[in-house]
Amino acid sequence: MLEKLIDYLSKELDIPAEELDRDTTFESLHLDSLDTVEMMMELEAELGVDLEPESKILTIGELADFIETKLD
């Protein structure tokens, strides 16, 4: 899932994938709340799962871990 998120963010934000890793924060990518909501909606549609986190997700790795729990 981590690689999938890195590929997605790399394409969406036009950032080389090598610059992204599990510790990259969404804040460092300059994503505002609207960007984050749009991303979550696209991921929900693609993966067929509800992605309503109970707590704030700060990094790509945290999001990947959260999605994996939803896919189990």
C-alpha atoms as a PDB file:
ATOM      1  CA  MET A   1       0.000   0.000   0.000  1.00  0.00           C
ATOM      2  CA  LEU A   2       2.867   2.370   0.767  1.00  0.00           C
ATOM      3  CA  GLU A   3       4.230   2.101  -2.778  1.00  0.00           C
ATOM      4  CA  LYS A   4       0.764   2.687  -4.206  1.00  0.00           C
ATOM      5  CA  LEU A   5       0.345   5.871  -2.138  1.00  0.00           C
ATOM      6  CA  ILE A   6       3.805   7.113  -3.076  1.00  0.00           C
ATOM      7  CA  ASP A   7       3.057   6.532  -6.772  1.00  0.00           C
ATOM      8  CA  TYR A   8      -0.305   8.292  -6.434  1.00  0.00           C
ATOM      9  CA  LEU A   9       1.149  11.321  -4.640  1.00  0.00           C
ATOM     10  CA  SER A  10       4.099  11.482  -7.001  1.00  0.00           C
ATOM     11  CA  LYS A  11       1.776  11.718 -10.006  1.00  0.00           C
ATOM     12  CA  GLU A  12      -0.773  14.040  -8.382  1.00  0.00           C
ATOM     13  CA  LEU A  13       1.780  16.469  -6.976  1.00  0.00           C
ATOM     14  CA  ASP A  14       4.414  16.125  -9.706  1.00  0.00           C
ATOM     15  CA  ILE A  15       7.073  15.159  -7.170  1.00  0.00           C
ATOM     16  CA  PRO A  16       9.683  12.463  -7.885  1.00  0.00           C
ATOM     17  CA  ALA A  17       8.737   9.274  -6.030  1.00  0.00           C
ATOM     18  CA  GLU A  18      12.286   9.062  -4.665  1.00  0.00           C
ATOM     19  CA  GLU A  19      11.573  12.178  -2.594  1.00  0.00           C
ATOM     20  CA  LEU A  20       8.666  10.487  -0.793  1.00  0.00           C
ATOM     21  CA  ASP A  21       8.828   7.855   1.933  1.00  0.00           C
ATOM     22  CA  ARG A  22       6.753   6.544   4.829  1.00  0.00           C
ATOM     23  CA  ASP A  23       7.864   9.440   7.078  1.00  0.00           C
ATOM     24  CA  THR A  24       6.920  12.190   4.610  1.00  0.00           C
ATOM     25  CA  THR A  25       4.284  14.399   6.204  1.00  0.00           C
ATOM     26  CA  PHE A  26       1.291  15.722   4.321  1.00  0.00           C
ATOM     27  CA  GLU A  27       2.133  19.149   5.727  1.00  0.00           C
ATOM     28  CA  SER A  28       5.543  19.018   4.035  1.00  0.00           C
ATOM     29  CA  LEU A  29       3.736  18.331   0.757  1.00  0.00           C
ATOM     30  CA  HIS A  30       1.669  21.495   1.268  1.00  0.00           C
ATOM     31  CA  LEU A  31      -1.632  19.632   1.104  1.00  0.00           C
ATOM     32  CA  ASP A  32      -4.513  21.608   2.539  1.00  0.00           C
ATOM     33  CA  SER A  33      -7.665  20.063   3.979  1.00  0.00           C
ATOM     34  CA  LEU A  34      -9.492  20.190   0.624  1.00  0.00           C
ATOM     35  CA  ASP A  35      -6.602  18.406  -1.109  1.00  0.00           C
ATOM     36  CA  THR A  36      -6.642  15.755   1.602  1.00  0.00           C
ATOM     37  CA  VAL A  37     -10.409  15.212   1.338  1.00  0.00           C
ATOM     38  CA  GLU A  38     -10.181  14.878  -2.445  1.00  0.00           C
ATOM     39  CA  MET A  39      -7.329  12.380  -2.129  1.00  0.00           C
ATOM     40  CA  MET A  40      -9.250  10.299   0.420  1.00  0.00           C
ATOM     41  CA  MET A  41     -12.352  10.264  -1.802  1.00  0.00           C
ATOM     42  CA  GLU A  42     -10.318   9.095  -4.797  1.00  0.00           C
ATOM     43  CA  LEU A  43      -8.650   6.381  -2.732  1.00  0.00           C
ATOM     44  CA  GLU A  44     -12.022   5.258  -1.325  1.00  0.00           C
ATOM     45  CA  ALA A  45     -13.420   4.918  -4.842  1.00  0.00           C
ATOM     46  CA  GLU A  46     -10.351   3.085  -6.125  1.00  0.00           C
ATOM     47  CA  LEU A  47     -10.059   0.702  -3.166  1.00  0.00           C
ATOM     48  CA  GLY A  48     -13.761   0.263  -2.388  1.00  0.00           C
ATOM     49  CA  VAL A  49     -13.356   1.002   1.342  1.00  0.00           C
ATOM     50  CA  ASP A  50     -14.520   3.711   3.722  1.00  0.00           C
ATOM     51  CA  LEU A  51     -11.550   5.782   4.858  1.00  0.00           C
ATOM     52  CA  GLU A  52     -12.847   7.814   7.784  1.00  0.00           C
ATOM     53  CA  PRO A  53      -9.891   7.983  10.177  1.00  0.00           C
ATOM     54  CA  GLU A  54     -10.657   8.275  13.882  1.00  0.00           C
ATOM     55  CA  SER A  55      -7.564  10.385  14.449  1.00  0.00           C
ATOM     56  CA  LYS A  56      -5.398  12.721  12.418  1.00  0.00           C
ATOM     57  CA  ILE A  57      -3.069  11.006   9.966  1.00  0.00           C
ATOM     58  CA  LEU A  58       0.156  12.940   9.532  1.00  0.00           C
ATOM     59  CA  THR A  59       2.422  10.832   7.291  1.00  0.00           C
ATOM     60  CA  ILE A  60       2.227   8.695   4.174  1.00  0.00           C
ATOM     61  CA  GLY A  61       3.189   5.677   6.281  1.00  0.00           C
ATOM     62  CA  GLU A  62       0.374   6.296   8.776  1.00  0.00           C
ATOM     63  CA  LEU A  63      -2.123   6.510   5.914  1.00  0.00           C
ATOM     64  CA  ALA A  64      -0.783   3.303   4.351  1.00  0.00           C
ATOM     65  CA  ASP A  65      -1.074   1.485   7.690  1.00  0.00           C
ATOM     66  CA  PHE A  66      -4.605   2.815   8.205  1.00  0.00           C
ATOM     67  CA  ILE A  67      -5.740   1.715   4.726  1.00  0.00           C
ATOM     68  CA  GLU A  68      -4.267  -1.740   5.268  1.00  0.00           C
ATOM     69  CA  THR A  69      -6.382  -2.147   8.433  1.00  0.00           C
ATOM     70  CA  LYS A  70      -9.477  -1.274   6.398  1.00  0.00           C
ATOM     71  CA  LEU A  71      -8.592  -3.797   3.694  1.00  0.00           C
ATOM     72  CA  ASP A  72      -8.220  -6.720   6.132  1.00  0.00           C
END
